[in-house]
């Protein structure tokens, strides 16, 4: 049974596919569906992709629900710590790091 649970988010960064081939990201797709490679009936799948490249240019994972929850919690902790680090780093510089364009911090993820 397909669940039709799919979330798409814009992404900015780089991903690694194949051996040493890095590519720029445009979005990520998170879904809950049948696992294709993991020995699981259903899995949380995360695909990091670029709309400008062929479908093989993707980085993908299939996780159990428990592993996905642990990853979500770890991401939330890392984001919180990174936001604190960024705020402390920019505090003495008038809210701006030299040589970098102004940009808002990424929104916090719900735990």
Protein backbone atom coordinates (compact mmCIF):
# COMPACT_ATOMS: atom_id res chain seq x y z
CA UNK A 1 0.00 0.00 0.00
CA UNK A 2 1.43 3.38 -0.98
CA UNK A 3 1.15 6.05 1.67
CA UNK A 4 1.35 9.16 -0.54
CA UNK A 5 3.30 10.89 2.24
CA UNK A 6 5.72 13.23 0.48
CA UNK A 7 7.26 16.52 1.62
CA UNK A 8 9.46 18.67 -0.63
CA UNK A 9 11.75 21.42 0.64
CA UNK A 10 14.08 23.83 -1.10
CA UNK A 11 17.73 22.99 -0.47
CA UNK A 12 20.94 24.89 -0.91
CA UNK A 13 24.24 23.11 -0.56
CA UNK A 14 26.15 20.26 -2.14
CA UNK A 15 25.66 16.49 -2.23
CA UNK A 16 27.95 13.67 -3.22
CA UNK A 17 26.92 11.00 -5.70
CA UNK A 18 28.84 8.11 -7.18
CA UNK A 19 32.55 8.18 -6.34
CA UNK A 20 33.77 11.77 -5.99
CA UNK A 21 31.11 13.62 -7.95
CA UNK A 22 29.66 16.54 -5.96
CA UNK A 23 26.65 18.46 -7.27
CA UNK A 24 24.66 21.52 -6.15
CA UNK A 25 21.31 20.87 -4.46
CA UNK A 26 18.02 22.47 -5.43
CA UNK A 27 15.65 20.52 -3.18
CA UNK A 28 15.12 17.56 -0.91
CA UNK A 29 12.26 15.07 -0.95
CA UNK A 30 11.19 13.30 2.24
CA UNK A 31 8.70 10.46 1.95
CA UNK A 32 7.29 7.47 3.81
CA UNK A 33 6.83 4.57 1.45
CA UNK A 34 8.03 1.09 0.54
CA UNK A 35 11.77 0.72 0.97
CA UNK A 36 13.59 0.06 -2.29
CA UNK A 37 16.96 -1.05 -0.92
CA UNK A 38 16.79 -1.33 2.89
CA UNK A 39 15.40 -4.57 4.26
CA UNK A 40 12.33 -2.79 5.61
CA UNK A 41 8.71 -2.94 4.58
CA UNK A 42 8.31 0.83 4.76
CA UNK A 43 10.90 3.53 5.36
CA UNK A 44 11.41 7.25 5.65
CA UNK A 45 13.32 8.11 2.48
CA UNK A 46 15.29 11.29 1.96
CA UNK A 47 16.51 12.26 -1.50
CA UNK A 48 18.77 15.26 -2.04
CA UNK A 49 18.54 16.26 -5.71
CA UNK A 50 19.19 18.91 -8.31
CA UNK A 51 16.48 19.76 -10.83
CA UNK A 52 19.19 20.76 -13.30
CA UNK A 53 20.86 17.34 -13.43
CA UNK A 54 19.79 13.83 -14.51
CA UNK A 55 17.92 11.65 -11.97
CA UNK A 56 21.08 9.69 -11.09
CA UNK A 57 22.50 12.89 -9.55
CA UNK A 58 20.99 12.28 -6.14
CA UNK A 59 22.00 11.33 -2.65
CA UNK A 60 19.45 9.11 -0.95
CA UNK A 61 18.86 7.34 2.37
CA UNK A 62 16.19 4.94 3.64
CA UNK A 63 15.65 5.00 7.41
CA UNK A 64 13.48 3.27 9.96
CA UNK A 65 11.03 5.55 11.74
CA UNK A 66 13.19 5.33 14.88
CA UNK A 67 16.34 6.33 12.96
CA UNK A 68 14.47 9.20 11.27
CA UNK A 69 13.28 10.46 14.68
CA UNK A 70 16.83 10.30 16.05
CA UNK A 71 18.11 12.17 12.98
CA UNK A 72 15.41 14.83 13.40
CA UNK A 73 16.39 15.32 17.06
CA UNK A 74 20.10 15.51 16.17
CA UNK A 75 19.37 18.06 13.43
CA UNK A 76 17.32 20.17 15.84
CA UNK A 77 20.14 20.16 18.40
CA UNK A 78 22.78 21.00 15.77
CA UNK A 79 20.64 23.81 14.32
CA UNK A 80 20.08 25.29 17.78
CA UNK A 81 23.81 25.16 18.54
CA UNK A 82 24.69 26.61 15.12
CA UNK A 83 22.24 29.49 15.56
CA UNK A 84 23.80 30.27 18.94
CA UNK A 85 27.30 30.09 17.43
CA UNK A 86 26.29 32.40 14.56
CA UNK A 87 24.66 34.91 16.89
CA UNK A 88 27.75 35.02 19.12
CA UNK A 89 30.05 35.28 16.11
CA UNK A 90 28.13 38.19 14.58
CA UNK A 91 27.26 39.99 17.83
CA UNK A 92 30.43 42.09 17.83
CA UNK A 93 30.23 42.74 14.09
CA UNK A 94 26.93 44.60 14.04
CA UNK A 95 25.04 41.43 13.17
CA UNK A 96 27.05 40.77 10.02
CA UNK A 97 30.07 38.63 9.26
CA UNK A 98 32.68 40.38 7.10
CA UNK A 99 32.74 39.28 3.49
CA UNK A 100 29.41 37.47 3.63
CA UNK A 101 26.09 38.77 2.32
CA UNK A 102 23.35 39.41 4.84
CA UNK A 103 20.99 36.44 5.14
CA UNK A 104 18.42 35.33 7.67
CA UNK A 105 19.21 32.29 9.81
CA UNK A 106 17.46 29.07 8.81
CA UNK A 107 14.16 28.47 10.63
CA UNK A 108 14.24 26.02 13.51
CA UNK A 109 12.87 22.55 12.97
CA UNK A 110 10.15 21.20 15.20
CA UNK A 111 11.36 18.35 17.38
